[in-house]
C-alpha atoms as a PDB file:
ATOM      1  CA  UNK A   1      57.072  88.821  54.172  1.00  0.00           C
ATOM      2  CA  UNK A   2      59.341  91.582  52.868  1.00  0.00           C
ATOM      3  CA  UNK A   3      62.978  91.789  53.945  1.00  0.00           C
ATOM      4  CA  UNK A   4      63.841  94.380  51.302  1.00  0.00           C
ATOM      5  CA  UNK A   5      61.879  96.211  48.588  1.00  0.00           C
ATOM      6  CA  UNK A   6      63.113  94.026  45.720  1.00  0.00           C
ATOM      7  CA  UNK A   7      61.362  91.067  47.369  1.00  0.00           C
ATOM      8  CA  UNK A   8      58.148  92.420  45.830  1.00  0.00           C
ATOM      9  CA  UNK A   9      59.387  91.245  42.428  1.00  0.00           C
ATOM     10  CA  UNK A  10      59.919  87.666  43.597  1.00  0.00           C
ATOM     11  CA  UNK A  11      57.433  87.184  46.455  1.00  0.00           C
ATOM     12  CA  UNK A  12      54.465  89.303  45.323  1.00  0.00           C
ATOM     13  CA  UNK A  13      54.822  89.539  41.516  1.00  0.00           C
ATOM     14  CA  UNK A  14      51.064  89.491  40.792  1.00  0.00           C
ATOM     15  CA  UNK A  15      48.610  91.672  42.718  1.00  0.00           C
ATOM     16  CA  UNK A  16      45.250  91.335  41.005  1.00  0.00           C
ATOM     17  CA  UNK A  17      42.946  89.021  42.951  1.00  0.00           C
ATOM     18  CA  UNK A  18      41.572  89.963  46.352  1.00  0.00           C
ATOM     19  CA  UNK A  19      43.741  87.303  48.005  1.00  0.00           C
ATOM     20  CA  UNK A  20      46.908  88.425  46.205  1.00  0.00           C
ATOM     21  CA  UNK A  21      46.307  92.045  47.151  1.00  0.00           C
ATOM     22  CA  UNK A  22      45.586  91.207  50.789  1.00  0.00           C
ATOM     23  CA  UNK A  23      48.821  89.228  51.046  1.00  0.00           C
ATOM     24  CA  UNK A  24      50.781  92.112  49.545  1.00  0.00           C
ATOM     25  CA  UNK A  25      49.092  94.688  51.785  1.00  0.00           C
ATOM     26  CA  UNK A  26      49.911  92.671  54.889  1.00  0.00           C
ATOM     27  CA  UNK A  27      53.573  92.354  53.887  1.00  0.00           C
ATOM     28  CA  UNK A  28      53.944  96.082  53.122  1.00  0.00           C
ATOM     29  CA  UNK A  29      52.204  97.127  56.329  1.00  0.00           C
ATOM     30  CA  UNK A  30      54.478  94.862  58.374  1.00  0.00           C
ATOM     31  CA  UNK A  31      57.575  96.170  56.585  1.00  0.00           C
ATOM     32  CA  UNK A  32      56.627  99.818  57.131  1.00  0.00           C
ATOM     33  CA  UNK A  33      55.766  99.296  60.792  1.00  0.00           C
ATOM     34  CA  UNK A  34      59.149  97.652  61.383  1.00  0.00           C
ATOM     35  CA  UNK A  35      60.717 100.859  60.079  1.00  0.00           C
ATOM     36  CA  UNK A  36      58.641 102.869  62.536  1.00  0.00           C
ATOM     37  CA  UNK A  37      55.972 104.295  60.228  1.00  0.00           C
ATOM     38  CA  UNK A  38      52.254 104.534  61.091  1.00  0.00           C
ATOM     39  CA  UNK A  39      50.245 102.541  58.551  1.00  0.00           C
ATOM     40  CA  UNK A  40      46.607 102.067  57.638  1.00  0.00           C
ATOM     41  CA  UNK A  41      44.670 100.507  54.770  1.00  0.00           C
ATOM     42  CA  UNK A  42      41.868 102.786  53.573  1.00  0.00           C
ATOM     43  CA  UNK A  43      38.799 101.497  51.761  1.00  0.00           C
ATOM     44  CA  UNK A  44      37.595 103.289  48.640  1.00  0.00           C
ATOM     45  CA  UNK A  45      35.128 103.011  45.788  1.00  0.00           C
ATOM     46  CA  UNK A  46      34.484  99.651  44.097  1.00  0.00           C
ATOM     47  CA  UNK A  47      36.440  97.781  46.741  1.00  0.00           C
ATOM     48  CA  UNK A  48      39.689  99.740  46.345  1.00  0.00           C
ATOM     49  CA  UNK A  49      42.160  99.314  49.193  1.00  0.00           C
ATOM     50  CA  UNK A  50      44.871 101.990  49.452  1.00  0.00           C
ATOM     51  CA  UNK A  51      47.877 101.460  51.695  1.00  0.00           C
ATOM     52  CA  UNK A  52      48.643 104.756  53.472  1.00  0.00           C
ATOM     53  CA  UNK A  53      51.999 105.048  55.240  1.00  0.00           C
ATOM     54  CA  UNK A  54      52.565 108.226  57.238  1.00  0.00           C
ATOM     55  CA  UNK A  55      50.483 111.276  58.126  1.00  0.00           C
ATOM     56  CA  UNK A  56      48.118 111.882  55.207  1.00  0.00           C
ATOM     57  CA  UNK A  57      46.764 115.169  56.575  1.00  0.00           C
ATOM     58  CA  UNK A  58      49.928 116.964  57.639  1.00  0.00           C
ATOM     59  CA  UNK A  59      52.559 115.753  55.181  1.00  0.00           C
ATOM     60  CA  UNK A  60      54.054 118.220  52.700  1.00  0.00           C
ATOM     61  CA  UNK A  61      54.605 115.557  50.039  1.00  0.00           C
ATOM     62  CA  UNK A  62      52.877 112.447  48.805  1.00  0.00           C
ATOM     63  CA  UNK A  63      55.049 109.768  47.220  1.00  0.00           C
ATOM     64  CA  UNK A  64      52.738 107.376  45.412  1.00  0.00           C
ATOM     65  CA  UNK A  65      52.552 104.360  43.116  1.00  0.00           C
ATOM     66  CA  UNK A  66      49.797 101.978  42.107  1.00  0.00           C
ATOM     67  CA  UNK A  67      50.255  98.375  43.153  1.00  0.00           C
ATOM     68  CA  UNK A  68      47.460  96.605  41.247  1.00  0.00           C
ATOM     69  CA  UNK A  69      48.433  94.379  38.319  1.00  0.00           C
ATOM     70  CA  UNK A  70      47.088  94.966  34.825  1.00  0.00           C
ATOM     71  CA  UNK A  71      45.464  92.343  32.609  1.00  0.00           C
ATOM     72  CA  UNK A  72      47.643  90.649  30.004  1.00  0.00           C
ATOM     73  CA  UNK A  73      47.207  91.799  26.407  1.00  0.00           C
ATOM     74  CA  UNK A  74      48.301  90.353  23.042  1.00  0.00           C
ATOM     75  CA  UNK A  75      49.945  93.694  22.217  1.00  0.00           C
ATOM     76  CA  UNK A  76      51.871  96.235  24.332  1.00  0.00           C
ATOM     77  CA  UNK A  77      50.281  99.382  25.706  1.00  0.00           C
ATOM     78  CA  UNK A  78      52.691 101.480  23.655  1.00  0.00           C
ATOM     79  CA  UNK A  79      52.891 105.109  24.768  1.00  0.00           C
ATOM     80  CA  UNK A  80      54.637 108.198  23.390  1.00  0.00           C
ATOM     81  CA  UNK A  81      54.173 110.676  26.259  1.00  0.00           C
ATOM     82  CA  UNK A  82      56.007 113.549  24.542  1.00  0.00           C
ATOM     83  CA  UNK A  83      54.462 113.244  21.058  1.00  0.00           C
ATOM     84  CA  UNK A  84      50.830 114.160  20.475  1.00  0.00           C
ATOM     85  CA  UNK A  85      50.636 112.559  16.975  1.00  0.00           C
ATOM     86  CA  UNK A  86      52.245 109.389  18.271  1.00  0.00           C
ATOM     87  CA  UNK A  87      50.011 109.271  21.318  1.00  0.00           C
ATOM     88  CA  UNK A  88      46.860 109.758  19.239  1.00  0.00           C
ATOM     89  CA  UNK A  89      48.005 107.137  16.733  1.00  0.00           C
ATOM     90  CA  UNK A  90      48.562 104.579  19.492  1.00  0.00           C
ATOM     91  CA  UNK A  91      45.129 105.242  20.939  1.00  0.00           C
ATOM     92  CA  UNK A  92      43.579 104.994  17.477  1.00  0.00           C
ATOM     93  CA  UNK A  93      45.256 101.649  16.842  1.00  0.00           C
ATOM     94  CA  UNK A  94      43.884 100.316  20.125  1.00  0.00           C
ATOM     95  CA  UNK A  95      40.375 101.448  19.178  1.00  0.00           C
ATOM     96  CA  UNK A  96      40.819  99.866  15.749  1.00  0.00           C
ATOM     97  CA  UNK A  97      41.826  96.586  17.373  1.00  0.00           C
ATOM     98  CA  UNK A  98      38.732  96.644  19.587  1.00  0.00           C
ATOM     99  CA  UNK A  99      36.505  97.431  16.592  1.00  0.00           C
ATOM    100  CA  UNK A 100      37.953  94.662  14.388  1.00  0.00           C
ATOM    101  CA  UNK A 101      37.713  92.059  17.142  1.00  0.00           C
ATOM    102  CA  UNK A 102      34.122  93.112  17.928  1.00  0.00           C
ATOM    103  CA  UNK A 103      33.030  92.970  14.270  1.00  0.00           C
ATOM    104  CA  UNK A 104      34.628  89.567  13.677  1.00  0.00           C
ATOM    105  CA  UNK A 105      32.999  88.220  16.816  1.00  0.00           C
ATOM    106  CA  UNK A 106      29.629  89.627  15.715  1.00  0.00           C
ATOM    107  CA  UNK A 107      29.910  87.899  12.322  1.00  0.00           C
ATOM    108  CA  UNK A 108      30.802  84.616  13.993  1.00  0.00           C
ATOM    109  CA  UNK A 109      27.963  84.976  16.495  1.00  0.00           C
ATOM    110  CA  UNK A 110      25.459  85.808  13.730  1.00  0.00           C
ATOM    111  CA  UNK A 111      26.463  82.718  11.757  1.00  0.00           C
ATOM    112  CA  UNK A 112      26.297  80.616  14.910  1.00  0.00           C
ATOM    113  CA  UNK A 113      22.806  81.888  15.758  1.00  0.00           C
ATOM    114  CA  UNK A 114      21.594  81.278  12.202  1.00  0.00           C
ATOM    115  CA  UNK A 115      23.093  77.764  12.290  1.00  0.00           C
ATOM    116  CA  UNK A 116      21.367  76.971  15.563  1.00  0.00           C
ATOM    117  CA  UNK A 117      18.089  78.316  14.177  1.00  0.00           C
ATOM    118  CA  UNK A 118      18.404  76.035  11.120  1.00  0.00           C
ATOM    119  CA  UNK A 119      19.258  73.112  13.380  1.00  0.00           C
ATOM    120  CA  UNK A 120      15.935  73.571  15.146  1.00  0.00           C
ATOM    121  CA  UNK A 121      14.024  73.872  11.885  1.00  0.00           C
ATOM    122  CA  UNK A 122      13.908  77.651  11.567  1.00  0.00           C
ATOM    123  CA  UNK A 123      15.851  78.307   8.380  1.00  0.00           C
ATOM    124  CA  UNK A 124      16.143  82.056   7.885  1.00  0.00           C
ATOM    125  CA  UNK A 125      16.234  81.748   4.079  1.00  0.00           C
ATOM    126  CA  UNK A 126      15.924  85.122   2.363  1.00  0.00           C
ATOM    127  CA  UNK A 127      15.649  86.775   5.768  1.00  0.00           C
ATOM    128  CA  UNK A 128      19.347  86.162   6.460  1.00  0.00           C
ATOM    129  CA  UNK A 129      20.442  89.651   5.333  1.00  0.00           C
ATOM    130  CA  UNK A 130      17.678  91.310   7.358  1.00  0.00           C
ATOM    131  CA  UNK A 131      18.614  89.182  10.364  1.00  0.00           C
ATOM    132  CA  UNK A 132      22.261  90.192  10.166  1.00  0.00           C
ATOM    133  CA  UNK A 133      21.328  93.854   9.662  1.00  0.00           C
ATOM    134  CA  UNK A 134      19.173  93.850  12.787  1.00  0.00           C
ATOM    135  CA  UNK A 135      21.213  91.635  15.096  1.00  0.00           C
ATOM    136  CA  UNK A 136      24.854  92.285  14.165  1.00  0.00           C
ATOM    137  CA  UNK A 137      24.999  95.973  15.277  1.00  0.00           C
ATOM    138  CA  UNK A 138      23.766  95.050  18.723  1.00  0.00           C
ATOM    139  CA  UNK A 139      26.233  92.195  18.918  1.00  0.00           C
ATOM    140  CA  UNK A 140      29.080  94.516  17.903  1.00  0.00           C
ATOM    141  CA  UNK A 141      28.361  96.911  20.772  1.00  0.00           C
ATOM    142  CA  UNK A 142      28.058  94.043  23.238  1.00  0.00           C
ATOM    143  CA  UNK A 143      31.402  92.729  22.010  1.00  0.00           C
ATOM    144  CA  UNK A 144      32.988  96.174  22.338  1.00  0.00           C
ATOM    145  CA  UNK A 145      31.972  96.344  25.990  1.00  0.00           C
ATOM    146  CA  UNK A 146      33.106  92.748  26.559  1.00  0.00           C
ATOM    147  CA  UNK A 147      36.491  93.342  24.903  1.00  0.00           C
ATOM    148  CA  UNK A 148      37.161  96.519  26.886  1.00  0.00           C
ATOM    149  CA  UNK A 149      36.209  94.822  30.153  1.00  0.00           C
ATOM    150  CA  UNK A 150      38.456  91.877  29.278  1.00  0.00           C
ATOM    151  CA  UNK A 151      41.357  94.258  28.622  1.00  0.00           C
ATOM    152  CA  UNK A 152      40.856  95.746  32.092  1.00  0.00           C
ATOM    153  CA  UNK A 153      39.638  92.862  34.239  1.00  0.00           C
ATOM    154  CA  UNK A 154      40.969  89.873  32.295  1.00  0.00           C
ATOM    155  CA  UNK A 155      43.628  87.412  33.533  1.00  0.00           C
ATOM    156  CA  UNK A 156      46.572  89.106  35.185  1.00  0.00           C
ATOM    157  CA  UNK A 157      49.746  89.862  33.288  1.00  0.00           C
ATOM    158  CA  UNK A 158      52.179  87.643  35.182  1.00  0.00           C
ATOM    159  CA  UNK A 159      55.161  89.720  34.060  1.00  0.00           C
ATOM    160  CA  UNK A 160      54.828  93.287  35.336  1.00  0.00           C
ATOM    161  CA  UNK A 161      58.344  94.258  36.380  1.00  0.00           C
ATOM    162  CA  UNK A 162      57.961  97.747  34.920  1.00  0.00           C
ATOM    163  CA  UNK A 163      54.191  98.266  35.281  1.00  0.00           C
ATOM    164  CA  UNK A 164      54.164  98.750  38.169  1.00  0.00           C
ATOM    165  CA  UNK A 165      56.410  96.669  40.374  1.00  0.00           C
ATOM    166  CA  UNK A 166      59.107  99.224  39.541  1.00  0.00           C
ATOM    167  CA  UNK A 167      57.060 102.030  41.089  1.00  0.00           C
ATOM    168  CA  UNK A 168      56.273  99.999  44.198  1.00  0.00           C
ATOM    169  CA  UNK A 169      59.916  99.009  44.727  1.00  0.00           C
ATOM    170  CA  UNK A 170      61.113 102.597  44.264  1.00  0.00           C
ATOM    171  CA  UNK A 171      58.526 103.919  46.731  1.00  0.00           C
ATOM    172  CA  UNK A 172      59.597 101.354  49.325  1.00  0.00           C
ATOM    173  CA  UNK A 173      63.261 102.235  48.760  1.00  0.00           C
ATOM    174  CA  UNK A 174      62.522 105.915  49.457  1.00  0.00           C
ATOM    175  CA  UNK A 175      60.487 104.829  52.487  1.00  0.00           C
ATOM    176  CA  UNK A 176      63.461 102.778  53.721  1.00  0.00           C
ATOM    177  CA  UNK A 177      66.172 105.400  53.258  1.00  0.00           C
ATOM    178  CA  UNK A 178      64.364 108.640  54.113  1.00  0.00           C
ATOM    179  CA  UNK A 179      66.030 110.214  57.184  1.00  0.00           C
ATOM    180  CA  UNK A 180      63.938 109.846  60.320  1.00  0.00           C
ATOM    181  CA  UNK A 181      63.832 113.600  60.884  1.00  0.00           C
ATOM    182  CA  UNK A 182      62.135 114.029  57.488  1.00  0.00           C
ATOM    183  CA  UNK A 183      59.505 111.308  57.787  1.00  0.00           C
ATOM    184  CA  UNK A 184      56.782 113.578  59.111  1.00  0.00           C
ATOM    185  CA  UNK A 185      57.046 115.579  55.862  1.00  0.00           C
ATOM    186  CA  UNK A 186      56.079 112.639  53.623  1.00  0.00           C
ATOM    187  CA  UNK A 187      53.104 110.338  53.265  1.00  0.00           C
ATOM    188  CA  UNK A 188      53.564 107.257  51.076  1.00  0.00           C
ATOM    189  CA  UNK A 189      50.474 105.882  49.356  1.00  0.00           C
ATOM    190  CA  UNK A 190      50.110 102.687  47.335  1.00  0.00           C
ATOM    191  CA  UNK A 191      46.988 103.039  45.203  1.00  0.00           C
ATOM    192  CA  UNK A 192      44.662 100.225  44.224  1.00  0.00           C
ATOM    193  CA  UNK A 193      42.636  99.940  40.983  1.00  0.00           C
ATOM    194  CA  UNK A 194      44.695 102.345  38.880  1.00  0.00           C
ATOM    195  CA  UNK A 195      44.339  99.981  35.927  1.00  0.00           C
ATOM    196  CA  UNK A 196      40.539 100.141  36.227  1.00  0.00           C
ATOM    197  CA  UNK A 197      40.524 103.920  35.816  1.00  0.00           C
ATOM    198  CA  UNK A 198      42.379 105.696  38.657  1.00  0.00           C
ATOM    199  CA  UNK A 199      39.762 104.498  41.135  1.00  0.00           C
ATOM    200  CA  UNK A 200      42.041 104.148  44.149  1.00  0.00           C
ATOM    201  CA  UNK A 201      43.655 107.563  43.764  1.00  0.00           C
ATOM    202  CA  UNK A 202      40.292 109.221  43.110  1.00  0.00           C
ATOM    203  CA  UNK A 203      38.955 107.695  46.335  1.00  0.00           C
ATOM    204  CA  UNK A 204      42.002 108.886  48.241  1.00  0.00           C
ATOM    205  CA  UNK A 205      41.627 112.373  46.785  1.00  0.00           C
ATOM    206  CA  UNK A 206      37.987 112.504  47.892  1.00  0.00           C
ATOM    207  CA  UNK A 207      38.898 111.438  51.431  1.00  0.00           C
ATOM    208  CA  UNK A 208      41.865 113.806  51.788  1.00  0.00           C
ATOM    209  CA  UNK A 209      40.845 116.648  49.466  1.00  0.00           C
ATOM    210  CA  UNK A 210      41.858 119.589  51.642  1.00  0.00           C
ATOM    211  CA  UNK A 211      45.306 118.178  52.416  1.00  0.00           C
ATOM    212  CA  UNK A 212      46.018 116.957  48.887  1.00  0.00           C
ATOM    213  CA  UNK A 213      45.119 120.389  47.470  1.00  0.00           C
ATOM    214  CA  UNK A 214      48.406 121.729  48.818  1.00  0.00           C
ATOM    215  CA  UNK A 215      50.637 118.636  48.701  1.00  0.00           C
ATOM    216  CA  UNK A 216      53.170 117.945  45.958  1.00  0.00           C
ATOM    217  CA  UNK A 217      52.368 114.452  44.657  1.00  0.00           C
ATOM    218  CA  UNK A 218      55.291 112.455  43.226  1.00  0.00           C
ATOM    219  CA  UNK A 219      53.755 109.472  41.437  1.00  0.00           C
ATOM    220  CA  UNK A 220      55.991 106.601  40.293  1.00  0.00           C
ATOM    221  CA  UNK A 221      54.648 104.557  37.390  1.00  0.00           C
ATOM    222  CA  UNK A 222      56.709 102.450  34.959  1.00  0.00           C
ATOM    223  CA  UNK A 223      60.101 103.719  36.131  1.00  0.00           C
ATOM    224  CA  UNK A 224      62.059 100.499  35.594  1.00  0.00           C
ATOM    225  CA  UNK A 225      62.739 100.321  31.851  1.00  0.00           C
ATOM    226  CA  UNK A 226      64.463 103.223  30.084  1.00  0.00           C
ATOM    227  CA  UNK A 227      67.347 105.678  30.360  1.00  0.00           C
ATOM    228  CA  UNK A 228      65.252 108.845  30.223  1.00  0.00           C
ATOM    229  CA  UNK A 229      63.469 109.453  33.536  1.00  0.00           C
ATOM    230  CA  UNK A 230      60.982 112.267  33.084  1.00  0.00           C
ATOM    231  CA  UNK A 231      58.741 114.162  35.486  1.00  0.00           C
ATOM    232  CA  UNK A 232      55.425 115.266  33.973  1.00  0.00           C
ATOM    233  CA  UNK A 233      53.740 118.055  36.008  1.00  0.00           C
ATOM    234  CA  UNK A 234      49.989 118.519  35.741  1.00  0.00           C
ATOM    235  CA  UNK A 235      48.572 121.609  34.060  1.00  0.00           C
ATOM    236  CA  UNK A 236      47.665 123.104  37.434  1.00  0.00           C
ATOM    237  CA  UNK A 237      51.164 122.517  38.799  1.00  0.00           C
ATOM    238  CA  UNK A 238      52.721 124.303  35.814  1.00  0.00           C
ATOM    239  CA  UNK A 239      50.894 127.437  36.954  1.00  0.00           C
ATOM    240  CA  UNK A 240      52.396 127.134  40.428  1.00  0.00           C
ATOM    241  CA  UNK A 241      55.880 128.400  39.633  1.00  0.00           C
ATOM    242  CA  UNK A 242      57.234 127.979  43.152  1.00  0.00           C
ATOM    243  CA  UNK A 243      56.369 124.307  43.400  1.00  0.00           C
ATOM    244  CA  UNK A 244      57.302 123.636  39.786  1.00  0.00           C
ATOM    245  CA  UNK A 245      60.690 125.327  40.077  1.00  0.00           C
ATOM    246  CA  UNK A 246      61.481 123.308  43.181  1.00  0.00           C
ATOM    247  CA  UNK A 247      61.303 120.118  41.094  1.00  0.00           C
ATOM    248  CA  UNK A 248      64.433 121.114  39.212  1.00  0.00           C
ATOM    249  CA  UNK A 249      66.429 120.435  42.380  1.00  0.00           C
ATOM    250  CA  UNK A 250      65.881 116.728  41.754  1.00  0.00           C
ATOM    251  CA  UNK A 251      67.107 116.837  38.144  1.00  0.00           C
ATOM    252  CA  UNK A 252      70.449 115.567  36.964  1.00  0.00           C
ATOM    253  CA  UNK A 253      72.469 113.373  34.629  1.00  0.00           C
ATOM    254  CA  UNK A 254      73.745 110.011  35.797  1.00  0.00           C
ATOM    255  CA  UNK A 255      76.024 108.473  33.191  1.00  0.00           C
ATOM    256  CA  UNK A 256      73.832 107.616  30.225  1.00  0.00           C
ATOM    257  CA  UNK A 257      70.688 108.222  32.267  1.00  0.00           C
ATOM    258  CA  UNK A 258      68.903 111.433  33.143  1.00  0.00           C
ATOM    259  CA  UNK A 259      66.144 112.720  35.412  1.00  0.00           C
ATOM    260  CA  UNK A 260      64.482 115.838  33.996  1.00  0.00           C
ATOM    261  CA  UNK A 261      61.255 117.852  34.170  1.00  0.00           C
ATOM    262  CA  UNK A 262      59.152 117.824  30.992  1.00  0.00           C
ATOM    263  CA  UNK A 263      57.559 121.257  31.219  1.00  0.00           C
ATOM    264  CA  UNK A 264      57.198 122.564  27.671  1.00  0.00           C
ATOM    265  CA  UNK A 265      55.268 121.111  24.766  1.00  0.00           C
ATOM    266  CA  UNK A 266      52.956 118.113  24.758  1.00  0.00           C
ATOM    267  CA  UNK A 267      53.398 115.793  27.693  1.00  0.00           C
ATOM    268  CA  UNK A 268      51.112 113.179  29.162  1.00  0.00           C
ATOM    269  CA  UNK A 269      51.676 110.481  31.737  1.00  0.00           C
ATOM    270  CA  UNK A 270      48.312 108.718  32.173  1.00  0.00           C
ATOM    271  CA  UNK A 271      48.478 107.729  35.818  1.00  0.00           C
ATOM    272  CA  UNK A 272      47.292 108.576  39.317  1.00  0.00           C
ATOM    273  CA  UNK A 273      48.910 112.019  39.615  1.00  0.00           C
ATOM    274  CA  UNK A 274      46.291 113.312  37.171  1.00  0.00           C
ATOM    275  CA  UNK A 275      43.645 113.487  39.924  1.00  0.00           C
ATOM    276  CA  UNK A 276      45.741 115.849  42.090  1.00  0.00           C
ATOM    277  CA  UNK A 277      46.257 119.593  41.496  1.00  0.00           C
ATOM    278  CA  UNK A 278      49.999 119.456  42.192  1.00  0.00           C
ATOM    279  CA  UNK A 279      50.668 116.063  40.660  1.00  0.00           C
ATOM    280  CA  UNK A 280      53.889 114.881  39.013  1.00  0.00           C
ATOM    281  CA  UNK A 281      53.957 111.707  36.957  1.00  0.00           C
ATOM    282  CA  UNK A 282      57.385 110.067  36.884  1.00  0.00           C
ATOM    283  CA  UNK A 283      58.205 107.390  34.316  1.00  0.00           C
ATOM    284  CA  UNK A 284      61.177 105.938  32.434  1.00  0.00           C
ATOM    285  CA  UNK A 285      61.304 106.212  28.649  1.00  0.00           C
ATOM    286  CA  UNK A 286      63.344 104.655  25.898  1.00  0.00           C
ATOM    287  CA  UNK A 287      64.542 106.649  22.910  1.00  0.00           C
ATOM    288  CA  UNK A 288      63.945 105.572  19.309  1.00  0.00           C
ATOM    289  CA  UNK A 289      63.865 107.070  15.825  1.00  0.00           C
ATOM    290  CA  UNK A 290      60.499 108.668  16.491  1.00  0.00           C
ATOM    291  CA  UNK A 291      61.189 110.006  19.979  1.00  0.00           C
ATOM    292  CA  UNK A 292      60.673 108.795  23.526  1.00  0.00           C
ATOM    293  CA  UNK A 293      58.378 105.884  24.263  1.00  0.00           C
ATOM    294  CA  UNK A 294      57.235 103.227  26.739  1.00  0.00           C
ATOM    295  CA  UNK A 295      56.902  99.694  25.425  1.00  0.00           C
ATOM    296  CA  UNK A 296      56.406  96.080  26.518  1.00  0.00           C
ATOM    297  CA  UNK A 297      53.979  96.901  29.346  1.00  0.00           C
ATOM    298  CA  UNK A 298      50.772  94.828  29.605  1.00  0.00           C
ATOM    299  CA  UNK A 299      52.507  91.912  27.871  1.00  0.00           C
ATOM    300  CA  UNK A 300      54.624  88.907  28.827  1.00  0.00           C
ATOM    301  CA  UNK A 301      57.710  90.901  27.765  1.00  0.00           C
ATOM    302  CA  UNK A 302      57.398  93.277  30.730  1.00  0.00           C
ATOM    303  CA  UNK A 303      60.382  91.749  32.515  1.00  0.00           C
ATOM    304  CA  UNK A 304      62.812  94.682  32.855  1.00  0.00           C
ATOM    305  CA  UNK A 305      63.340  96.453  36.167  1.00  0.00           C
ATOM    306  CA  UNK A 306      66.650  98.309  36.167  1.00  0.00           C
ATOM    307  CA  UNK A 307      67.937  98.645  39.707  1.00  0.00           C
ATOM    308  CA  UNK A 308      69.966 101.648  38.527  1.00  0.00           C
ATOM    309  CA  UNK A 309      66.718 103.531  37.849  1.00  0.00           C
ATOM    310  CA  UNK A 310      65.458 102.672  41.315  1.00  0.00           C
ATOM    311  CA  UNK A 311      68.681 103.916  42.904  1.00  0.00           C
ATOM    312  CA  UNK A 312      68.681 107.155  40.899  1.00  0.00           C
ATOM    313  CA  UNK A 313      65.113 107.986  41.876  1.00  0.00           C
ATOM    314  CA  UNK A 314      65.640 106.937  45.484  1.00  0.00           C
ATOM    315  CA  UNK A 315      68.690 109.178  45.851  1.00  0.00           C
ATOM    316  CA  UNK A 316      67.289 112.119  43.867  1.00  0.00           C
ATOM    317  CA  UNK A 317      63.857 112.220  45.487  1.00  0.00           C
ATOM    318  CA  UNK A 318      65.137 111.558  48.994  1.00  0.00           C
ATOM    319  CA  UNK A 319      67.631 114.408  48.606  1.00  0.00           C
ATOM    320  CA  UNK A 320      64.964 116.661  47.060  1.00  0.00           C
ATOM    321  CA  UNK A 321      62.508 116.020  49.902  1.00  0.00           C
ATOM    322  CA  UNK A 322      65.165 116.533  52.580  1.00  0.00           C
ATOM    323  CA  UNK A 323      66.509 119.772  51.064  1.00  0.00           C
ATOM    324  CA  UNK A 324      63.201 121.266  49.976  1.00  0.00           C
ATOM    325  CA  UNK A 325      61.404 120.397  53.194  1.00  0.00           C
ATOM    326  CA  UNK A 326      64.074 122.220  55.170  1.00  0.00           C
ATOM    327  CA  UNK A 327      63.262 125.505  53.429  1.00  0.00           C
END
């Protein structure tokens, strides 16, 4: 049961198994209905279950966030959304990790197979090198697939305050505080299976393609840890000057924090807004010597959810929707 949005952090911290997701869905649906919203849970590809709150076909805006929990990793999914060299380097390091792990596993497996063969009286002798040359490459590719699947579908990361409990809490806060006379302008959607490859949002897009072609999609992902809140418009949205310009109404500075549109130069926010023409990815970034970055997510250190960030986004986006929708 949810009495307020922050209860998600304490009552529904992990949303990975079918049972965990069902419990969360039930709580959110009950909470939204108590506030007077129409709610439904839509089925999608590969068992995805999206929670849709509001009128999906007639709303002017979609406010979205993914609710599924990622798998825990031994290293953070470090991102530099505003730096192409940094982004490519991070992706390269992840691929290098997968390759090293797969090769080491293949060597171990080859030795194990040879040992078992010797145990049963089939000593490979001089054929050892040939055996490794024939078997190891296949084992490496099998291990690559296994490692990638483990990184996606492995045991849940029990600490996910930023990724993406922060997005869920912020969405529910906007849901809670949006004026009643503006509610028909907004549909709130909690996507499933984002971590598996944007499956939930892709399913939603397929079901509501005509409506989502024209809707401005405000997607909240990893908004809880960082002073620099940035909005990343999709390439298609950048060409729509009217919609893009309207986003600047939500921008502002709030003490040492800011909410700005990242329009020029390299910018990538790998999340659900990417499947929509007029999508905006919103995330919180920290600032270091080498620029803006996201850290700690997908690890046990993902424990930071700044309520100030939630309040800034709630106030800014609620005001933006109310003012812009009136025009």
